[in-house]
Amino acid sequence: TEDEVSAGLEALESFSTLSLDAELSAGDDGYSLADTLGDSDGSYDTVVDREAAREGLRRLPERERAILYMRFFEDMTQSSIAESLGISQMHVSRLITRSCARVRAEALGRP
């Protein structure tokens, strides 16, 4: 029918494209369609990194997870962690280094 043809022609027009350089307003202060697009958000990289590290952190022994939590989330010094666990500060340092290396390797897909 004629109504269906009109509806079909109208629907076809909804698929027309514009250049990103197309001006959206008149005058010297006009801006283009590209000016309305958002910028890349650096926070996405943080989310991706956290998700990549999640499984590696879960696989760490409980004590190593606790040490990383105290160091990076409770902002405790290595000395205070060592004191609370009854181990040396040097041992805490080694555990942090080893744990971070394991999580990093796993996040990057290395054995």
N, C-alpha and C. Protein backbone atom coordinates (compact mmCIF):
# COMPACT_ATOMS: atom_id res chain seq x y z
N THR A 1 0.83 -1.17 0.00
CA THR A 1 0.00 0.00 0.00
C THR A 1 0.87 1.24 0.00
N GLU A 2 0.22 2.36 -0.22
CA GLU A 2 0.94 3.63 -0.28
C GLU A 2 1.54 4.00 1.07
N ASP A 3 0.82 3.70 2.17
CA ASP A 3 1.32 4.00 3.52
C ASP A 3 2.58 3.19 3.82
N GLU A 4 2.61 1.94 3.38
CA GLU A 4 3.78 1.10 3.62
C GLU A 4 4.98 1.61 2.85
N VAL A 5 4.76 2.07 1.62
CA VAL A 5 5.84 2.62 0.81
C VAL A 5 6.38 3.89 1.47
N SER A 6 5.49 4.76 1.93
CA SER A 6 5.92 5.99 2.60
C SER A 6 6.71 5.66 3.86
N ALA A 7 6.23 4.69 4.64
CA ALA A 7 6.93 4.30 5.86
C ALA A 7 8.30 3.72 5.53
N GLY A 8 8.36 2.95 4.45
CA GLY A 8 9.64 2.36 4.03
C GLY A 8 10.63 3.42 3.60
N LEU A 9 10.17 4.42 2.82
CA LEU A 9 11.05 5.52 2.38
C LEU A 9 11.53 6.34 3.58
N GLU A 10 10.63 6.56 4.53
CA GLU A 10 11.00 7.31 5.73
C GLU A 10 12.04 6.54 6.54
N ALA A 11 11.88 5.23 6.63
CA ALA A 11 12.84 4.40 7.36
C ALA A 11 14.21 4.43 6.70
N LEU A 12 14.25 4.44 5.38
CA LEU A 12 15.52 4.50 4.66
C LEU A 12 16.29 5.78 4.97
N GLU A 13 15.57 6.87 5.16
CA GLU A 13 16.22 8.14 5.47
C GLU A 13 16.87 8.14 6.85
N SER A 14 16.41 7.27 7.74
CA SER A 14 16.99 7.23 9.08
C SER A 14 18.39 6.62 9.07
N PHE A 15 18.79 6.04 7.96
CA PHE A 15 20.11 5.43 7.85
C PHE A 15 21.11 6.32 7.13
N SER A 16 20.77 7.56 6.91
CA SER A 16 21.72 8.45 6.24
C SER A 16 22.84 8.79 7.21
N THR A 17 24.00 9.06 6.67
CA THR A 17 25.16 9.34 7.51
C THR A 17 25.58 10.79 7.36
N LEU A 18 26.28 11.27 8.36
CA LEU A 18 26.86 12.60 8.34
C LEU A 18 28.36 12.47 8.54
N SER A 19 29.10 13.36 7.96
CA SER A 19 30.52 13.42 8.22
C SER A 19 30.74 13.91 9.64
N LEU A 20 31.80 13.44 10.28
CA LEU A 20 32.12 13.93 11.62
C LEU A 20 32.50 15.40 11.58
N ASP A 21 32.84 15.90 10.41
CA ASP A 21 33.18 17.31 10.25
C ASP A 21 31.96 18.17 9.93
N ALA A 22 30.79 17.56 9.84
CA ALA A 22 29.58 18.32 9.52
C ALA A 22 29.30 19.33 10.64
N GLU A 23 29.03 20.57 10.25
CA GLU A 23 28.77 21.62 11.23
C GLU A 23 27.35 21.46 11.76
N LEU A 24 27.21 21.54 13.09
CA LEU A 24 25.91 21.33 13.71
C LEU A 24 25.15 22.61 13.98
N SER A 25 25.82 23.76 14.01
CA SER A 25 25.11 25.02 14.24
C SER A 25 25.63 26.07 13.27
N ALA A 26 24.81 27.05 13.04
CA ALA A 26 25.19 28.11 12.10
C ALA A 26 26.04 29.16 12.80
N GLY A 27 26.80 29.92 12.04
CA GLY A 27 27.60 31.01 12.60
C GLY A 27 29.06 30.61 12.77
N ASP A 28 29.84 31.61 13.20
CA ASP A 28 31.28 31.39 13.37
C ASP A 28 31.61 30.47 14.54
N ASP A 29 30.72 30.42 15.52
CA ASP A 29 31.00 29.59 16.70
C ASP A 29 30.46 28.18 16.54
N GLY A 30 30.14 27.77 15.33
CA GLY A 30 29.60 26.45 15.08
C GLY A 30 30.58 25.36 15.47
N TYR A 31 30.06 24.22 15.75
CA TYR A 31 30.91 23.09 16.10
C TYR A 31 30.49 21.89 15.27
N SER A 32 31.38 20.95 15.16
CA SER A 32 31.12 19.79 14.32
C SER A 32 30.61 18.63 15.16
N LEU A 33 30.14 17.62 14.49
CA LEU A 33 29.66 16.42 15.15
C LEU A 33 30.80 15.79 15.96
N ALA A 34 32.01 15.84 15.45
CA ALA A 34 33.16 15.29 16.16
C ALA A 34 33.37 15.98 17.51
N ASP A 35 32.99 17.25 17.62
CA ASP A 35 33.14 17.98 18.89
C ASP A 35 32.23 17.43 19.98
N THR A 36 31.20 16.68 19.61
CA THR A 36 30.26 16.15 20.60
C THR A 36 30.66 14.78 21.12
N LEU A 37 31.68 14.18 20.50
CA LEU A 37 32.11 12.85 20.93
C LEU A 37 32.96 12.95 22.19
N GLY A 38 32.83 11.98 23.06
CA GLY A 38 33.59 11.98 24.30
C GLY A 38 35.04 11.59 24.06
N ASP A 39 35.86 11.85 25.06
CA ASP A 39 37.26 11.47 25.01
C ASP A 39 37.43 10.10 25.65
N SER A 40 38.57 9.52 25.41
CA SER A 40 38.91 8.25 26.02
C SER A 40 39.09 8.45 27.52
N ASP A 41 38.55 7.55 28.31
CA ASP A 41 38.63 7.65 29.76
C ASP A 41 39.74 6.74 30.27
N GLY A 42 40.74 7.31 30.89
CA GLY A 42 41.87 6.56 31.40
C GLY A 42 41.50 5.58 32.51
N SER A 43 40.36 5.77 33.12
CA SER A 43 39.93 4.87 34.19
C SER A 43 39.63 3.47 33.67
N TYR A 44 39.31 3.34 32.39
CA TYR A 44 39.06 2.02 31.84
C TYR A 44 40.29 1.14 31.96
N ASP A 45 41.47 1.71 31.77
CA ASP A 45 42.71 0.94 31.90
C ASP A 45 42.86 0.40 33.32
N THR A 46 42.48 1.19 34.30
CA THR A 46 42.55 0.74 35.69
C THR A 46 41.63 -0.44 35.92
N VAL A 47 40.42 -0.36 35.39
CA VAL A 47 39.45 -1.45 35.54
C VAL A 47 39.98 -2.71 34.89
N VAL A 48 40.52 -2.58 33.69
CA VAL A 48 41.06 -3.74 32.97
C VAL A 48 42.21 -4.35 33.77
N ASP A 49 43.10 -3.51 34.29
CA ASP A 49 44.23 -4.02 35.08
C ASP A 49 43.75 -4.74 36.34
N ARG A 50 42.77 -4.18 37.01
CA ARG A 50 42.26 -4.82 38.24
C ARG A 50 41.62 -6.16 37.94
N GLU A 51 40.87 -6.22 36.87
CA GLU A 51 40.24 -7.49 36.51
C GLU A 51 41.29 -8.53 36.11
N ALA A 52 42.34 -8.09 35.44
CA ALA A 52 43.41 -9.01 35.05
C ALA A 52 44.14 -9.55 36.27
N ALA A 53 44.25 -8.78 37.32
CA ALA A 53 44.98 -9.19 38.52
C ALA A 53 44.12 -9.99 39.50
N ARG A 54 42.82 -9.91 39.35
CA ARG A 54 41.91 -10.52 40.33
C ARG A 54 42.19 -12.01 40.57
N GLU A 55 42.28 -12.81 39.52
CA GLU A 55 42.50 -14.25 39.69
C GLU A 55 43.86 -14.54 40.31
N GLY A 56 44.88 -13.82 39.90
CA GLY A 56 46.21 -14.02 40.47
C GLY A 56 46.21 -13.73 41.96
N LEU A 57 45.50 -12.70 42.37
CA LEU A 57 45.41 -12.39 43.79
C LEU A 57 44.67 -13.48 44.56
N ARG A 58 43.64 -14.04 43.96
CA ARG A 58 42.88 -15.12 44.62
C ARG A 58 43.73 -16.37 44.81
N ARG A 59 44.68 -16.59 43.92
CA ARG A 59 45.50 -17.79 43.98
C ARG A 59 46.67 -17.67 44.95
N LEU A 60 46.93 -16.48 45.43
CA LEU A 60 48.02 -16.31 46.38
C LEU A 60 47.66 -16.97 47.72
N PRO A 61 48.68 -17.44 48.45
CA PRO A 61 48.42 -17.93 49.80
C PRO A 61 47.80 -16.82 50.65
N GLU A 62 47.02 -17.23 51.64
CA GLU A 62 46.29 -16.26 52.46
C GLU A 62 47.20 -15.22 53.11
N ARG A 63 48.35 -15.64 53.61
CA ARG A 63 49.25 -14.70 54.27
C ARG A 63 49.76 -13.65 53.29
N GLU A 64 50.08 -14.07 52.05
CA GLU A 64 50.56 -13.10 51.06
C GLU A 64 49.46 -12.13 50.67
N ARG A 65 48.22 -12.61 50.54
CA ARG A 65 47.10 -11.71 50.26
C ARG A 65 46.93 -10.71 51.39
N ALA A 66 47.05 -11.19 52.62
CA ALA A 66 46.90 -10.30 53.78
C ALA A 66 47.99 -9.24 53.78
N ILE A 67 49.21 -9.62 53.45
CA ILE A 67 50.33 -8.67 53.42
C ILE A 67 50.08 -7.61 52.35
N LEU A 68 49.66 -8.03 51.17
CA LEU A 68 49.39 -7.06 50.10
C LEU A 68 48.24 -6.14 50.49
N TYR A 69 47.24 -6.69 51.16
CA TYR A 69 46.12 -5.86 51.60
C TYR A 69 46.59 -4.80 52.59
N MET A 70 47.38 -5.24 53.58
CA MET A 70 47.87 -4.30 54.58
C MET A 70 48.73 -3.22 53.94
N ARG A 71 49.57 -3.62 53.00
CA ARG A 71 50.50 -2.67 52.39
C ARG A 71 49.80 -1.68 51.47
N PHE A 72 48.93 -2.18 50.60
CA PHE A 72 48.37 -1.33 49.55
C PHE A 72 46.99 -0.77 49.84
N PHE A 73 46.25 -1.39 50.76
CA PHE A 73 44.91 -0.88 51.06
C PHE A 73 44.83 -0.23 52.43
N GLU A 74 45.65 -0.70 53.36
CA GLU A 74 45.68 -0.07 54.67
C GLU A 74 46.87 0.87 54.81
N ASP A 75 47.69 0.92 53.76
CA ASP A 75 48.85 1.83 53.70
C ASP A 75 49.81 1.64 54.88
N MET A 76 49.96 0.39 55.31
CA MET A 76 50.88 0.09 56.40
C MET A 76 52.31 -0.01 55.85
N THR A 77 53.27 0.36 56.66
CA THR A 77 54.67 0.21 56.26
C THR A 77 55.07 -1.26 56.37
N GLN A 78 56.16 -1.60 55.71
CA GLN A 78 56.65 -2.97 55.80
C GLN A 78 57.02 -3.31 57.24
N SER A 79 57.58 -2.35 57.95
CA SER A 79 57.97 -2.58 59.35
C SER A 79 56.76 -2.88 60.22
N SER A 80 55.67 -2.13 60.03
CA SER A 80 54.48 -2.37 60.86
C SER A 80 53.81 -3.69 60.49
N ILE A 81 53.86 -4.06 59.22
CA ILE A 81 53.32 -5.37 58.80
C ILE A 81 54.15 -6.47 59.45
N ALA A 82 55.46 -6.33 59.40
CA ALA A 82 56.35 -7.33 59.98
C ALA A 82 56.08 -7.48 61.48
N GLU A 83 55.92 -6.38 62.15
CA GLU A 83 55.66 -6.41 63.59
C GLU A 83 54.34 -7.10 63.89
N SER A 84 53.30 -6.80 63.11
CA SER A 84 51.99 -7.40 63.39
C SER A 84 51.97 -8.90 63.08
N LEU A 85 52.84 -9.36 62.16
CA LEU A 85 52.87 -10.78 61.81
C LEU A 85 53.98 -11.55 62.52
N GLY A 86 54.86 -10.83 63.21
CA GLY A 86 55.95 -11.49 63.91
C GLY A 86 57.03 -12.03 62.99
N ILE A 87 57.27 -11.34 61.89
CA ILE A 87 58.34 -11.72 60.95
C ILE A 87 59.20 -10.50 60.69
N SER A 88 60.31 -10.70 59.97
CA SER A 88 61.21 -9.57 59.72
C SER A 88 60.68 -8.68 58.60
N GLN A 89 61.11 -7.43 58.64
CA GLN A 89 60.74 -6.48 57.58
C GLN A 89 61.30 -6.95 56.25
N MET A 90 62.49 -7.55 56.25
CA MET A 90 63.10 -8.05 55.01
C MET A 90 62.24 -9.17 54.42
N HIS A 91 61.70 -10.03 55.28
CA HIS A 91 60.84 -11.11 54.78
C HIS A 91 59.55 -10.54 54.17
N VAL A 92 58.99 -9.52 54.81
CA VAL A 92 57.80 -8.85 54.26
C VAL A 92 58.13 -8.27 52.89
N SER A 93 59.28 -7.63 52.77
CA SER A 93 59.69 -7.05 51.50
C SER A 93 59.79 -8.12 50.41
N ARG A 94 60.41 -9.24 50.76
CA ARG A 94 60.54 -10.34 49.78
C ARG A 94 59.18 -10.90 49.38
N LEU A 95 58.29 -11.06 50.34
CA LEU A 95 56.95 -11.59 50.05
C LEU A 95 56.16 -10.64 49.15
N ILE A 96 56.27 -9.36 49.42
CA ILE A 96 55.57 -8.38 48.57
C ILE A 96 56.11 -8.44 47.15
N THR A 97 57.43 -8.45 47.01
CA THR A 97 58.05 -8.50 45.69
C THR A 97 57.63 -9.77 44.95
N ARG A 98 57.71 -10.90 45.63
CA ARG A 98 57.37 -12.19 45.01
C ARG A 98 55.89 -12.24 44.64
N SER A 99 55.03 -11.80 45.55
CA SER A 99 53.59 -11.83 45.29
C SER A 99 53.20 -10.95 44.11
N CYS A 100 53.76 -9.75 44.08
CA CYS A 100 53.46 -8.83 42.97
C CYS A 100 53.95 -9.41 41.65
N ALA A 101 55.12 -10.04 41.66
CA ALA A 101 55.65 -10.64 40.42
C ALA A 101 54.75 -11.78 39.95
N ARG A 102 54.25 -12.60 40.88
CA ARG A 102 53.37 -13.70 40.51
C ARG A 102 52.06 -13.19 39.92
N VAL A 103 51.47 -12.20 40.55
CA VAL A 103 50.21 -11.65 40.07
C VAL A 103 50.41 -11.00 38.70
N ARG A 104 51.49 -10.24 38.55
CA ARG A 104 51.79 -9.58 37.29
C ARG A 104 51.98 -10.61 36.17
N ALA A 105 52.75 -11.66 36.45
CA ALA A 105 52.99 -12.69 35.43
C ALA A 105 51.70 -13.37 35.02
N GLU A 106 50.87 -13.67 35.99
CA GLU A 106 49.60 -14.32 35.67
C GLU A 106 48.69 -13.39 34.87
N ALA A 107 48.65 -12.12 35.23
CA ALA A 107 47.81 -11.15 34.52
C ALA A 107 48.27 -11.00 33.07
N LEU A 108 49.57 -11.15 32.84
CA LEU A 108 50.12 -11.04 31.49
C LEU A 108 50.10 -12.36 30.74
N GLY A 109 49.58 -13.41 31.39
CA GLY A 109 49.46 -14.72 30.74
C GLY A 109 50.75 -15.51 30.72
N ARG A 110 51.64 -15.20 31.62
CA ARG A 110 52.90 -15.95 31.71
C ARG A 110 52.78 -16.99 32.81
N PRO A 111 53.45 -18.14 32.62
CA PRO A 111 53.38 -19.17 33.66
C PRO A 111 54.10 -18.76 34.93
